[in-house]
Amino acid sequence: MKLLLFDIDGTILLSGGAAIRAVNSAFKKIYSVQNAMDGIRADGKTDPIILKEMFNKSLRRDFLAEEPNRVFKEYVIYLREEMVSSQGFRIMPGIPELIDVLSKRKDLALGIATGNIQEGAWIKLERAGLNFYFKFGGFGSDSENREQLIRIAIERGKSLANHNREFENIFVIGDTPFDIIHGRAAGATPVAVATGSYSVNDLEKYNPDHLFESFSDFMTVLKIF
């Protein structure tokens, strides 16, 4: 059996800035800081690392042990609201067709490997109508380290599929250099797609095993799995 782990933002969908607006609202409510995400690049980072950068930038300190849970609790409330009304939300080309076909194959297991905290990830996938395709994953709420959350996703995949031996192949599918670097470090085959903020030229510098401009031609993408 093969395991396919999909990133979310820039790979499956774009939230249209919903996540940024939501975390800004949460930070403002708790710490009275406006636009705390300004100047922070989120691509490929886990939510805890992004939050740490927000604290360092806006409050000139690291967060205390209990603070991430407090911020993320408010964040998911705002995220639900923002995802419903986000005008810029869109699903990446070819993704619905690709995932639907893959889900019908008996030799594959589909999972998520994302820097989003788990509840945030499911909110985004639900808005896209794709949440029911995925039963497990590794999330930013599991670890701030992307390699580690990928490894967690792999172990959950084994458990859910009652797959006690190693997967024949593991693919990490994402749109940033972080997906390539940490996917490979976790023993997976990196599949890169330039539908996020990194171009094909940007991504090819990291030597992914497979690289696509988009998944529009999903039939061609299917051939690598």
N, C-alpha and C. Protein backbone atom coordinates (compact mmCIF):
# COMPACT_ATOMS: atom_id res chain seq x y z
N MET A 1 0.84 -1.21 0.00
CA MET A 1 0.00 0.00 0.00
C MET A 1 0.87 1.25 0.00
N LYS A 2 0.40 2.28 -0.70
CA LYS A 2 1.09 3.56 -0.76
C LYS A 2 0.34 4.58 0.09
N LEU A 3 1.08 5.53 0.62
CA LEU A 3 0.50 6.58 1.45
C LEU A 3 0.74 7.93 0.79
N LEU A 4 -0.32 8.71 0.63
CA LEU A 4 -0.24 10.05 0.07
C LEU A 4 -0.65 11.06 1.13
N LEU A 5 0.25 11.99 1.45
CA LEU A 5 -0.02 13.00 2.47
C LEU A 5 -0.04 14.38 1.80
N PHE A 6 -1.19 15.03 1.86
CA PHE A 6 -1.39 16.33 1.22
C PHE A 6 -1.24 17.48 2.21
N ASP A 7 -0.50 18.50 1.80
CA ASP A 7 -0.54 19.80 2.47
C ASP A 7 -1.88 20.44 2.12
N ILE A 8 -2.26 21.49 2.85
CA ILE A 8 -3.55 22.15 2.59
C ILE A 8 -3.37 23.49 1.88
N ASP A 9 -2.82 24.48 2.57
CA ASP A 9 -2.77 25.85 2.03
C ASP A 9 -1.81 25.94 0.85
N GLY A 10 -2.33 26.39 -0.28
CA GLY A 10 -1.53 26.52 -1.48
C GLY A 10 -1.44 25.25 -2.29
N THR A 11 -1.82 24.13 -1.70
CA THR A 11 -1.79 22.83 -2.38
C THR A 11 -3.20 22.36 -2.70
N ILE A 12 -4.04 22.29 -1.68
CA ILE A 12 -5.44 21.91 -1.87
C ILE A 12 -6.31 23.14 -2.10
N LEU A 13 -6.02 24.21 -1.36
CA LEU A 13 -6.90 25.39 -1.42
C LEU A 13 -6.16 26.65 -1.01
N LEU A 14 -6.79 27.77 -1.27
CA LEU A 14 -6.38 29.06 -0.72
C LEU A 14 -7.56 29.60 0.08
N SER A 15 -7.31 30.04 1.28
CA SER A 15 -8.39 30.52 2.14
C SER A 15 -8.80 31.95 1.83
N GLY A 16 -8.07 32.62 0.94
CA GLY A 16 -8.40 34.00 0.63
C GLY A 16 -8.10 34.95 1.78
N GLY A 17 -7.09 34.60 2.57
CA GLY A 17 -6.71 35.45 3.70
C GLY A 17 -7.53 35.22 4.95
N ALA A 18 -8.40 34.21 4.94
CA ALA A 18 -9.27 33.95 6.09
C ALA A 18 -8.47 33.63 7.35
N ALA A 19 -7.42 32.83 7.21
CA ALA A 19 -6.63 32.42 8.37
C ALA A 19 -5.89 33.62 8.96
N ILE A 20 -5.36 34.48 8.10
CA ILE A 20 -4.65 35.66 8.58
C ILE A 20 -5.61 36.60 9.32
N ARG A 21 -6.77 36.81 8.73
CA ARG A 21 -7.76 37.68 9.40
C ARG A 21 -8.19 37.09 10.73
N ALA A 22 -8.35 35.77 10.77
CA ALA A 22 -8.80 35.11 12.00
C ALA A 22 -7.76 35.21 13.12
N VAL A 23 -6.50 34.95 12.79
CA VAL A 23 -5.48 35.01 13.85
C VAL A 23 -5.22 36.46 14.26
N ASN A 24 -5.35 37.40 13.33
CA ASN A 24 -5.24 38.81 13.70
C ASN A 24 -6.34 39.20 14.68
N SER A 25 -7.56 38.72 14.41
CA SER A 25 -8.69 39.03 15.29
C SER A 25 -8.49 38.42 16.67
N ALA A 26 -7.98 37.18 16.71
CA ALA A 26 -7.73 36.52 18.00
C ALA A 26 -6.67 37.28 18.79
N PHE A 27 -5.61 37.68 18.11
CA PHE A 27 -4.52 38.39 18.78
C PHE A 27 -4.98 39.76 19.28
N LYS A 28 -5.78 40.42 18.47
CA LYS A 28 -6.31 41.73 18.89
C LYS A 28 -7.20 41.60 20.11
N LYS A 29 -8.06 40.56 20.12
CA LYS A 29 -8.97 40.37 21.24
C LYS A 29 -8.22 40.12 22.54
N ILE A 30 -7.16 39.31 22.47
CA ILE A 30 -6.46 38.91 23.69
C ILE A 30 -5.39 39.93 24.10
N TYR A 31 -4.66 40.47 23.11
CA TYR A 31 -3.49 41.30 23.43
C TYR A 31 -3.62 42.75 22.96
N SER A 32 -4.77 43.10 22.36
CA SER A 32 -5.02 44.48 21.89
C SER A 32 -3.96 44.95 20.90
N VAL A 33 -3.51 44.02 20.06
CA VAL A 33 -2.53 44.33 19.02
C VAL A 33 -3.21 44.21 17.65
N GLN A 34 -3.10 45.26 16.86
CA GLN A 34 -3.69 45.27 15.52
C GLN A 34 -2.75 44.61 14.51
N ASN A 35 -3.32 43.82 13.61
CA ASN A 35 -2.58 43.29 12.45
C ASN A 35 -1.24 42.67 12.83
N ALA A 36 -1.28 41.77 13.78
CA ALA A 36 -0.05 41.16 14.29
C ALA A 36 0.67 40.29 13.27
N MET A 37 -0.03 39.90 12.21
CA MET A 37 0.59 39.07 11.17
C MET A 37 1.34 39.89 10.13
N ASP A 38 1.20 41.19 10.15
CA ASP A 38 1.88 42.02 9.15
C ASP A 38 3.38 41.75 9.16
N GLY A 39 3.94 41.49 7.97
CA GLY A 39 5.37 41.27 7.85
C GLY A 39 5.82 39.85 8.13
N ILE A 40 4.89 38.97 8.46
CA ILE A 40 5.23 37.58 8.76
C ILE A 40 4.79 36.70 7.59
N ARG A 41 5.69 35.93 7.05
CA ARG A 41 5.37 35.03 5.94
C ARG A 41 5.00 33.66 6.52
N ALA A 42 3.82 33.19 6.17
CA ALA A 42 3.31 31.96 6.77
C ALA A 42 3.60 30.71 5.94
N ASP A 43 3.92 30.87 4.65
CA ASP A 43 4.02 29.74 3.75
C ASP A 43 4.93 28.63 4.29
N GLY A 44 4.38 27.43 4.43
CA GLY A 44 5.16 26.27 4.81
C GLY A 44 5.46 26.15 6.29
N LYS A 45 5.12 27.17 7.07
CA LYS A 45 5.40 27.13 8.50
C LYS A 45 4.23 26.50 9.26
N THR A 46 4.52 25.95 10.42
CA THR A 46 3.46 25.43 11.27
C THR A 46 2.84 26.57 12.07
N ASP A 47 1.58 26.38 12.47
CA ASP A 47 0.88 27.42 13.23
C ASP A 47 1.63 27.82 14.51
N PRO A 48 2.21 26.87 15.28
CA PRO A 48 2.94 27.30 16.47
C PRO A 48 4.15 28.18 16.16
N ILE A 49 4.84 27.90 15.05
CA ILE A 49 5.99 28.74 14.68
C ILE A 49 5.51 30.13 14.26
N ILE A 50 4.41 30.18 13.50
CA ILE A 50 3.84 31.47 13.12
C ILE A 50 3.45 32.26 14.36
N LEU A 51 2.82 31.60 15.31
CA LEU A 51 2.39 32.27 16.54
C LEU A 51 3.61 32.78 17.31
N LYS A 52 4.67 31.99 17.35
CA LYS A 52 5.89 32.41 18.03
C LYS A 52 6.46 33.68 17.38
N GLU A 53 6.42 33.75 16.06
CA GLU A 53 6.90 34.94 15.36
C GLU A 53 6.01 36.15 15.65
N MET A 54 4.70 35.92 15.79
CA MET A 54 3.79 37.01 16.13
C MET A 54 4.11 37.57 17.51
N PHE A 55 4.37 36.69 18.47
CA PHE A 55 4.71 37.14 19.82
C PHE A 55 6.02 37.92 19.82
N ASN A 56 7.02 37.39 19.12
CA ASN A 56 8.32 38.07 19.09
C ASN A 56 8.23 39.42 18.43
N LYS A 57 7.44 39.52 17.37
CA LYS A 57 7.32 40.78 16.63
C LYS A 57 6.48 41.80 17.40
N SER A 58 5.33 41.37 17.92
CA SER A 58 4.37 42.32 18.50
C SER A 58 4.55 42.55 19.99
N LEU A 59 4.99 41.51 20.70
CA LEU A 59 5.09 41.62 22.16
C LEU A 59 6.53 41.53 22.66
N ARG A 60 7.47 41.29 21.73
CA ARG A 60 8.89 41.21 22.05
C ARG A 60 9.20 40.13 23.09
N ARG A 61 8.47 39.02 22.98
CA ARG A 61 8.72 37.90 23.89
C ARG A 61 8.18 36.62 23.28
N ASP A 62 8.57 35.49 23.83
CA ASP A 62 8.01 34.20 23.43
C ASP A 62 6.71 34.00 24.20
N PHE A 63 5.87 33.09 23.72
CA PHE A 63 4.63 32.85 24.45
C PHE A 63 4.87 31.94 25.65
N LEU A 64 4.03 32.09 26.65
CA LEU A 64 4.05 31.23 27.81
C LEU A 64 3.34 29.92 27.48
N ALA A 65 3.51 28.92 28.30
CA ALA A 65 3.03 27.56 27.99
C ALA A 65 1.54 27.50 27.69
N GLU A 66 0.75 28.30 28.40
CA GLU A 66 -0.70 28.21 28.26
C GLU A 66 -1.25 29.11 27.15
N GLU A 67 -0.42 29.99 26.60
CA GLU A 67 -0.92 30.99 25.67
C GLU A 67 -1.32 30.46 24.28
N PRO A 68 -0.59 29.51 23.69
CA PRO A 68 -1.03 29.02 22.38
C PRO A 68 -2.45 28.49 22.38
N ASN A 69 -2.80 27.70 23.38
CA ASN A 69 -4.16 27.15 23.45
C ASN A 69 -5.20 28.26 23.54
N ARG A 70 -4.89 29.30 24.28
CA ARG A 70 -5.81 30.42 24.42
C ARG A 70 -6.01 31.13 23.09
N VAL A 71 -4.91 31.39 22.38
CA VAL A 71 -5.00 32.07 21.08
C VAL A 71 -5.71 31.19 20.06
N PHE A 72 -5.32 29.90 20.00
CA PHE A 72 -5.91 29.02 19.00
C PHE A 72 -7.40 28.75 19.25
N LYS A 73 -7.80 28.80 20.51
CA LYS A 73 -9.22 28.64 20.82
C LYS A 73 -10.03 29.78 20.20
N GLU A 74 -9.54 30.99 20.33
CA GLU A 74 -10.20 32.14 19.71
C GLU A 74 -10.06 32.10 18.19
N TYR A 75 -8.91 31.68 17.73
CA TYR A 75 -8.62 31.63 16.29
C TYR A 75 -9.63 30.76 15.54
N VAL A 76 -9.93 29.57 16.06
CA VAL A 76 -10.83 28.68 15.33
C VAL A 76 -12.26 29.25 15.29
N ILE A 77 -12.63 30.01 16.30
CA ILE A 77 -13.96 30.66 16.29
C ILE A 77 -14.02 31.67 15.15
N TYR A 78 -12.99 32.51 15.06
CA TYR A 78 -12.94 33.50 13.98
C TYR A 78 -12.76 32.82 12.62
N LEU A 79 -11.99 31.74 12.58
CA LEU A 79 -11.74 31.07 11.31
C LEU A 79 -13.02 30.52 10.71
N ARG A 80 -13.87 29.94 11.54
CA ARG A 80 -15.16 29.43 11.03
C ARG A 80 -15.96 30.55 10.36
N GLU A 81 -15.97 31.70 10.98
CA GLU A 81 -16.70 32.84 10.42
C GLU A 81 -16.05 33.33 9.13
N GLU A 82 -14.74 33.44 9.15
CA GLU A 82 -14.02 33.97 7.99
C GLU A 82 -14.11 33.03 6.78
N MET A 83 -14.07 31.74 7.01
CA MET A 83 -14.11 30.79 5.91
C MET A 83 -15.45 30.82 5.19
N VAL A 84 -16.51 31.08 5.92
CA VAL A 84 -17.84 31.15 5.31
C VAL A 84 -17.94 32.33 4.35
N SER A 85 -17.33 33.45 4.73
CA SER A 85 -17.52 34.69 3.98
C SER A 85 -16.33 35.07 3.10
N SER A 86 -15.26 34.28 3.12
CA SER A 86 -14.04 34.66 2.41
C SER A 86 -14.25 34.71 0.90
N GLN A 87 -14.13 35.91 0.34
CA GLN A 87 -14.35 36.10 -1.10
C GLN A 87 -13.22 35.49 -1.93
N GLY A 88 -12.03 35.43 -1.37
CA GLY A 88 -10.89 34.93 -2.12
C GLY A 88 -10.67 33.44 -2.01
N PHE A 89 -11.56 32.74 -1.32
CA PHE A 89 -11.39 31.30 -1.17
C PHE A 89 -11.48 30.60 -2.52
N ARG A 90 -10.59 29.64 -2.74
CA ARG A 90 -10.70 28.82 -3.93
C ARG A 90 -9.96 27.50 -3.76
N ILE A 91 -10.43 26.51 -4.47
CA ILE A 91 -9.80 25.20 -4.49
C ILE A 91 -8.83 25.18 -5.66
N MET A 92 -7.67 24.59 -5.47
CA MET A 92 -6.64 24.59 -6.50
C MET A 92 -7.06 23.74 -7.71
N PRO A 93 -6.62 24.14 -8.91
CA PRO A 93 -7.02 23.44 -10.14
C PRO A 93 -6.70 21.95 -10.11
N GLY A 94 -7.70 21.15 -10.48
CA GLY A 94 -7.52 19.71 -10.59
C GLY A 94 -7.60 18.93 -9.29
N ILE A 95 -7.60 19.64 -8.17
CA ILE A 95 -7.57 18.96 -6.87
C ILE A 95 -8.81 18.10 -6.62
N PRO A 96 -10.04 18.61 -6.82
CA PRO A 96 -11.20 17.76 -6.54
C PRO A 96 -11.19 16.47 -7.37
N GLU A 97 -10.84 16.59 -8.64
CA GLU A 97 -10.82 15.41 -9.52
C GLU A 97 -9.71 14.44 -9.10
N LEU A 98 -8.53 14.99 -8.81
CA LEU A 98 -7.40 14.16 -8.42
C LEU A 98 -7.70 13.37 -7.15
N ILE A 99 -8.19 14.06 -6.13
CA ILE A 99 -8.45 13.41 -4.85
C ILE A 99 -9.59 12.40 -4.98
N ASP A 100 -10.60 12.73 -5.75
CA ASP A 100 -11.72 11.80 -5.93
C ASP A 100 -11.26 10.49 -6.57
N VAL A 101 -10.45 10.59 -7.62
CA VAL A 101 -9.95 9.38 -8.28
C VAL A 101 -9.04 8.58 -7.35
N LEU A 102 -8.15 9.28 -6.66
CA LEU A 102 -7.23 8.59 -5.74
C LEU A 102 -7.99 7.87 -4.63
N SER A 103 -9.07 8.48 -4.16
CA SER A 103 -9.82 7.90 -3.04
C SER A 103 -10.47 6.56 -3.39
N LYS A 104 -10.64 6.31 -4.67
CA LYS A 104 -11.28 5.07 -5.12
C LYS A 104 -10.30 3.92 -5.27
N ARG A 105 -9.02 4.20 -5.17
CA ARG A 105 -8.01 3.15 -5.32
C ARG A 105 -7.79 2.41 -4.02
N LYS A 106 -7.75 1.11 -4.10
CA LYS A 106 -7.61 0.26 -2.91
C LYS A 106 -6.17 0.14 -2.45
N ASP A 107 -5.24 0.56 -3.31
CA ASP A 107 -3.82 0.43 -2.97
C ASP A 107 -3.25 1.70 -2.36
N LEU A 108 -4.13 2.68 -2.05
CA LEU A 108 -3.68 3.95 -1.52
C LEU A 108 -4.39 4.31 -0.22
N ALA A 109 -3.68 5.03 0.63
CA ALA A 109 -4.30 5.67 1.79
C ALA A 109 -4.03 7.17 1.67
N LEU A 110 -5.05 7.99 1.89
CA LEU A 110 -4.93 9.44 1.77
C LEU A 110 -4.94 10.10 3.14
N GLY A 111 -3.98 10.96 3.38
CA GLY A 111 -3.92 11.67 4.64
C GLY A 111 -3.49 13.11 4.44
N ILE A 112 -3.37 13.83 5.54
CA ILE A 112 -2.99 15.24 5.54
C ILE A 112 -1.67 15.42 6.28
N ALA A 113 -0.83 16.30 5.76
CA ALA A 113 0.38 16.72 6.48
C ALA A 113 0.46 18.24 6.34
N THR A 114 0.06 18.94 7.38
CA THR A 114 -0.10 20.40 7.31
C THR A 114 0.38 21.07 8.58
N GLY A 115 0.84 22.31 8.42
CA GLY A 115 1.22 23.10 9.58
C GLY A 115 0.03 23.67 10.33
N ASN A 116 -1.17 23.56 9.75
CA ASN A 116 -2.39 24.00 10.45
C ASN A 116 -2.61 23.18 11.72
N ILE A 117 -3.13 23.82 12.76
CA ILE A 117 -3.62 23.02 13.88
C ILE A 117 -4.78 22.17 13.37
N GLN A 118 -5.04 21.07 14.04
CA GLN A 118 -5.99 20.09 13.50
C GLN A 118 -7.37 20.67 13.27
N GLU A 119 -7.91 21.40 14.23
CA GLU A 119 -9.26 21.94 14.07
C GLU A 119 -9.32 22.94 12.91
N GLY A 120 -8.28 23.74 12.76
CA GLY A 120 -8.23 24.68 11.65
C GLY A 120 -8.18 23.97 10.31
N ALA A 121 -7.41 22.88 10.25
CA ALA A 121 -7.31 22.10 9.01
C ALA A 121 -8.67 21.57 8.58
N TRP A 122 -9.42 21.00 9.52
CA TRP A 122 -10.72 20.43 9.17
C TRP A 122 -11.72 21.51 8.77
N ILE A 123 -11.63 22.68 9.38
CA ILE A 123 -12.51 23.79 9.00
C ILE A 123 -12.27 24.17 7.54
N LYS A 124 -11.01 24.26 7.16
CA LYS A 124 -10.68 24.62 5.78
C LYS A 124 -11.13 23.54 4.80
N LEU A 125 -10.87 22.28 5.13
CA LEU A 125 -11.25 21.19 4.24
C LEU A 125 -12.77 21.06 4.13
N GLU A 126 -13.45 21.34 5.22
CA GLU A 126 -14.92 21.30 5.18
C GLU A 126 -15.47 22.36 4.23
N ARG A 127 -14.90 23.55 4.27
CA ARG A 127 -15.33 24.62 3.37
C ARG A 127 -15.12 24.22 1.90
N ALA A 128 -14.08 23.42 1.66
CA ALA A 128 -13.79 22.96 0.31
C ALA A 128 -14.63 21.75 -0.09
N GLY A 129 -15.35 21.16 0.87
CA GLY A 129 -16.13 19.97 0.59
C GLY A 129 -15.27 18.74 0.38
N LEU A 130 -14.06 18.75 0.94
CA LEU A 130 -13.12 17.65 0.73
C LEU A 130 -12.75 16.92 2.03
N ASN A 131 -13.33 17.34 3.13
CA ASN A 131 -12.94 16.76 4.42
C ASN A 131 -13.22 15.28 4.53
N PHE A 132 -14.29 14.79 3.87
CA PHE A 132 -14.66 13.39 4.03
C PHE A 132 -13.69 12.44 3.32
N TYR A 133 -12.78 12.97 2.52
CA TYR A 133 -11.79 12.11 1.86
C TYR A 133 -10.64 11.72 2.79
N PHE A 134 -10.49 12.47 3.89
CA PHE A 134 -9.34 12.30 4.76
C PHE A 134 -9.79 11.90 6.17
N LYS A 135 -9.17 10.84 6.69
CA LYS A 135 -9.52 10.33 8.02
C LYS A 135 -8.42 10.57 9.05
N PHE A 136 -7.25 11.01 8.62
CA PHE A 136 -6.13 11.16 9.54
C PHE A 136 -5.13 12.15 8.96
N GLY A 137 -4.16 12.49 9.78
CA GLY A 137 -3.10 13.37 9.30
C GLY A 137 -2.13 13.72 10.41
N GLY A 138 -1.17 14.56 10.06
CA GLY A 138 -0.26 15.16 11.02
C GLY A 138 -0.45 16.66 10.93
N PHE A 139 -0.49 17.33 12.09
CA PHE A 139 -0.92 18.73 12.13
C PHE A 139 0.03 19.58 12.97
N GLY A 140 -0.07 20.89 12.80
CA GLY A 140 0.74 21.79 13.60
C GLY A 140 0.46 21.67 15.09
N SER A 141 -0.70 21.20 15.44
CA SER A 141 -1.02 20.96 16.86
C SER A 141 -0.34 19.71 17.40
N ASP A 142 0.20 18.88 16.51
CA ASP A 142 0.97 17.70 16.93
C ASP A 142 2.43 18.06 17.20
N SER A 143 2.96 18.94 16.38
CA SER A 143 4.36 19.35 16.53
C SER A 143 4.58 20.63 15.74
N GLU A 144 5.45 21.50 16.25
CA GLU A 144 5.82 22.69 15.48
C GLU A 144 6.83 22.33 14.40
N ASN A 145 7.40 21.13 14.49
CA ASN A 145 8.40 20.66 13.53
C ASN A 145 7.71 19.88 12.41
N ARG A 146 7.88 20.33 11.17
CA ARG A 146 7.15 19.72 10.06
C ARG A 146 7.55 18.28 9.80
N GLU A 147 8.82 17.97 9.93
CA GLU A 147 9.24 16.58 9.75
C GLU A 147 8.55 15.68 10.77
N GLN A 148 8.48 16.13 12.00
CA GLN A 148 7.86 15.32 13.04
C GLN A 148 6.37 15.12 12.80
N LEU A 149 5.67 16.15 12.35
CA LEU A 149 4.23 15.97 12.12
C LEU A 149 3.98 15.06 10.91
N ILE A 150 4.90 15.05 9.95
CA ILE A 150 4.79 14.11 8.84
C ILE A 150 4.97 12.68 9.35
N ARG A 151 5.93 12.49 10.22
CA ARG A 151 6.15 11.15 10.80
C ARG A 151 4.93 10.70 11.61
N ILE A 152 4.31 11.63 12.30
CA ILE A 152 3.09 11.31 13.05
C ILE A 152 1.98 10.90 12.10
N ALA A 153 1.85 11.61 10.99
CA ALA A 153 0.84 11.26 9.99
C ALA A 153 1.07 9.85 9.44
N ILE A 154 2.32 9.52 9.22
CA ILE A 154 2.66 8.17 8.71
C ILE A 154 2.23 7.11 9.70
N GLU A 155 2.52 7.31 10.96
CA GLU A 155 2.15 6.33 11.99
C GLU A 155 0.64 6.21 12.12
N ARG A 156 -0.05 7.32 12.04
CA ARG A 156 -1.51 7.28 12.10
C ARG A 156 -2.08 6.56 10.88
N GLY A 157 -1.44 6.74 9.74
CA GLY A 157 -1.87 6.04 8.54
C GLY A 157 -1.73 4.55 8.68
N LYS A 158 -0.64 4.12 9.26
CA LYS A 158 -0.43 2.69 9.49
C LYS A 158 -1.50 2.13 10.42
N SER A 159 -1.78 2.86 11.48
CA SER A 159 -2.75 2.40 12.47
C SER A 159 -4.15 2.32 11.88
N LEU A 160 -4.55 3.34 11.14
CA LEU A 160 -5.90 3.39 10.60
C LEU A 160 -6.11 2.34 9.52
N ALA A 161 -5.07 2.10 8.76
CA ALA A 161 -5.18 1.14 7.66
C ALA A 161 -4.86 -0.28 8.11
N ASN A 162 -4.61 -0.45 9.44
CA ASN A 162 -4.18 -1.74 9.95
C ASN A 162 -3.00 -2.28 9.14
N HIS A 163 -2.09 -1.35 8.85
CA HIS A 163 -0.97 -1.66 7.97
C HIS A 163 0.26 -1.79 8.86
N ASN A 164 0.60 -2.98 9.26
CA ASN A 164 1.66 -3.20 10.24
C ASN A 164 3.06 -3.20 9.65
N ARG A 165 3.16 -3.27 8.33
CA ARG A 165 4.48 -3.20 7.70
C ARG A 165 4.66 -1.81 7.08
N GLU A 166 5.86 -1.58 6.56
CA GLU A 166 6.15 -0.28 5.97
C GLU A 166 5.33 -0.08 4.69
N PHE A 167 4.94 1.17 4.44
CA PHE A 167 4.25 1.47 3.19
C PHE A 167 5.21 1.24 2.02
N GLU A 168 4.67 0.81 0.92
CA GLU A 168 5.46 0.60 -0.29
C GLU A 168 6.13 1.91 -0.72
N ASN A 169 5.40 2.98 -0.63
CA ASN A 169 5.95 4.30 -0.91
C ASN A 169 5.09 5.33 -0.18
N ILE A 170 5.73 6.41 0.23
CA ILE A 170 5.04 7.51 0.89
C ILE A 170 5.32 8.78 0.10
N PHE A 171 4.28 9.50 -0.24
CA PHE A 171 4.41 10.75 -0.98
C PHE A 171 3.94 11.91 -0.11
N VAL A 172 4.73 12.96 -0.05
CA VAL A 172 4.31 14.21 0.60
C VAL A 172 4.10 15.23 -0.51
N ILE A 173 2.90 15.77 -0.58
CA ILE A 173 2.49 16.63 -1.68
C ILE A 173 2.27 18.03 -1.16
N GLY A 174 3.09 18.98 -1.63
CA GLY A 174 2.98 20.33 -1.10
C GLY A 174 3.50 21.38 -2.04
N ASP A 175 3.37 22.63 -1.64
CA ASP A 175 3.67 23.76 -2.52
C ASP A 175 4.84 24.61 -2.04
N THR A 176 5.56 24.18 -1.00
CA THR A 176 6.67 24.99 -0.49
C THR A 176 7.94 24.15 -0.37
N PRO A 177 9.08 24.81 -0.27
CA PRO A 177 10.33 24.08 -0.03
C PRO A 177 10.29 23.26 1.27
N PHE A 178 9.52 23.73 2.27
CA PHE A 178 9.43 23.01 3.53
C PHE A 178 8.82 21.62 3.33
N ASP A 179 7.83 21.52 2.45
CA ASP A 179 7.22 20.21 2.17
C ASP A 179 8.25 19.27 1.55
N ILE A 180 9.09 19.81 0.68
CA ILE A 180 10.12 19.00 0.03
C ILE A 180 11.18 18.57 1.03
N ILE A 181 11.72 19.53 1.75
CA ILE A 181 12.83 19.27 2.68
C ILE A 181 12.40 18.31 3.79
N HIS A 182 11.28 18.60 4.44
CA HIS A 182 10.88 17.81 5.59
C HIS A 182 10.21 16.50 5.17
N GLY A 183 9.55 16.50 4.00
CA GLY A 183 9.02 15.26 3.49
C GLY A 183 10.11 14.26 3.22
N ARG A 184 11.17 14.72 2.55
CA ARG A 184 12.30 13.83 2.26
C ARG A 184 12.99 13.37 3.55
N ALA A 185 13.13 14.28 4.51
CA ALA A 185 13.77 13.92 5.78
C ALA A 185 12.98 12.85 6.53
N ALA A 186 11.66 12.83 6.31
CA ALA A 186 10.80 11.85 6.97
C ALA A 186 10.73 10.54 6.18
N GLY A 187 11.49 10.46 5.09
CA GLY A 187 11.53 9.23 4.30
C GLY A 187 10.51 9.15 3.19
N ALA A 188 9.91 10.30 2.85
CA ALA A 188 8.86 10.31 1.82
C ALA A 188 9.42 10.83 0.49
N THR A 189 8.65 10.60 -0.56
CA THR A 189 8.94 11.11 -1.89
C THR A 189 8.24 12.46 -2.05
N PRO A 190 8.98 13.55 -2.22
CA PRO A 190 8.34 14.86 -2.33
C PRO A 190 7.72 15.09 -3.72
N VAL A 191 6.48 15.56 -3.70
CA VAL A 191 5.78 15.96 -4.92
C VAL A 191 5.44 17.44 -4.73
N ALA A 192 6.03 18.30 -5.57
CA ALA A 192 5.84 19.74 -5.41
C ALA A 192 4.90 20.28 -6.49
N VAL A 193 4.12 21.28 -6.11
CA VAL A 193 3.20 21.92 -7.05
C VAL A 193 3.27 23.43 -6.83
N ALA A 194 3.36 24.18 -7.92
CA ALA A 194 3.59 25.62 -7.83
C ALA A 194 2.29 26.42 -7.84
N THR A 195 1.33 26.00 -7.02
CA THR A 195 0.06 26.71 -6.93
C THR A 195 -0.01 27.63 -5.72
N GLY A 196 1.06 27.65 -4.94
CA GLY A 196 1.14 28.57 -3.81
C GLY A 196 1.94 29.79 -4.19
N SER A 197 2.78 30.27 -3.28
CA SER A 197 3.54 31.49 -3.53
C SER A 197 4.94 31.21 -4.08
N TYR A 198 5.30 29.94 -4.24
CA TYR A 198 6.59 29.58 -4.81
C TYR A 198 6.40 29.12 -6.25
N SER A 199 7.25 29.62 -7.14
CA SER A 199 7.17 29.28 -8.55
C SER A 199 7.83 27.93 -8.82
N VAL A 200 7.65 27.43 -10.04
CA VAL A 200 8.33 26.21 -10.45
C VAL A 200 9.85 26.37 -10.30
N ASN A 201 10.37 27.52 -10.71
CA ASN A 201 11.81 27.77 -10.59
C ASN A 201 12.26 27.78 -9.13
N ASP A 202 11.44 28.34 -8.26
CA ASP A 202 11.76 28.34 -6.83
C ASP A 202 11.85 26.91 -6.30
N LEU A 203 10.87 26.10 -6.65
CA LEU A 203 10.75 24.77 -6.09
C LEU A 203 11.76 23.79 -6.66
N GLU A 204 12.12 23.95 -7.92
CA GLU A 204 13.04 22.99 -8.53
C GLU A 204 14.44 23.06 -7.92
N LYS A 205 14.77 24.16 -7.27
CA LYS A 205 16.06 24.29 -6.59
C LYS A 205 16.20 23.28 -5.46
N TYR A 206 15.07 22.77 -4.97
CA TYR A 206 15.09 21.82 -3.84
C TYR A 206 14.95 20.37 -4.32
N ASN A 207 15.01 20.18 -5.62
CA ASN A 207 15.04 18.85 -6.23
C ASN A 207 13.93 17.91 -5.78
N PRO A 208 12.68 18.32 -5.89
CA PRO A 208 11.59 17.37 -5.59
C PRO A 208 11.62 16.24 -6.62
N ASP A 209 11.14 15.08 -6.23
CA ASP A 209 11.10 13.95 -7.16
C ASP A 209 10.15 14.20 -8.32
N HIS A 210 9.08 14.96 -8.03
CA HIS A 210 8.11 15.32 -9.06
C HIS A 210 7.72 16.78 -8.85
N LEU A 211 7.56 17.51 -9.95
CA LEU A 211 7.24 18.93 -9.86
C LEU A 211 6.22 19.29 -10.94
N PHE A 212 5.14 19.95 -10.51
CA PHE A 212 4.07 20.34 -11.42
C PHE A 212 3.79 21.83 -11.26
N GLU A 213 3.42 22.46 -12.37
CA GLU A 213 2.98 23.86 -12.30
C GLU A 213 1.64 23.94 -11.59
N SER A 214 0.77 22.98 -11.87
CA SER A 214 -0.51 22.82 -11.17
C SER A 214 -0.95 21.38 -11.38
N PHE A 215 -2.07 21.02 -10.78
CA PHE A 215 -2.62 19.68 -10.96
C PHE A 215 -3.80 19.71 -11.94
N SER A 216 -3.84 20.74 -12.80
CA SER A 216 -4.92 20.85 -13.76
C SER A 216 -5.05 19.60 -14.62
N ASP A 217 -3.92 19.11 -15.09
CA ASP A 217 -3.91 17.86 -15.86
C ASP A 217 -3.76 16.71 -14.87
N PHE A 218 -4.82 16.45 -14.13
CA PHE A 218 -4.73 15.49 -13.03
C PHE A 218 -4.46 14.07 -13.51
N MET A 219 -4.82 13.76 -14.75
CA MET A 219 -4.58 12.42 -15.28
C MET A 219 -3.08 12.15 -15.40
N THR A 220 -2.31 13.18 -15.72
CA THR A 220 -0.86 13.03 -15.77
C THR A 220 -0.30 12.86 -14.37
N VAL A 221 -0.83 13.60 -13.41
CA VAL A 221 -0.38 13.50 -12.03
C VAL A 221 -0.63 12.09 -11.48
N LEU A 222 -1.75 11.51 -11.84
CA LEU A 222 -2.10 10.18 -11.34
C LEU A 222 -1.04 9.14 -11.69
N LYS A 223 -0.33 9.34 -12.78
CA LYS A 223 0.62 8.34 -13.25
C LYS A 223 1.81 8.15 -12.31
N ILE A 224 2.08 9.12 -11.46
CA ILE A 224 3.26 8.99 -10.58
C ILE A 224 2.95 8.17 -9.33
N PHE A 225 1.69 7.91 -9.06
CA PHE A 225 1.32 7.20 -7.85
C PHE A 225 1.03 5.72 -8.11
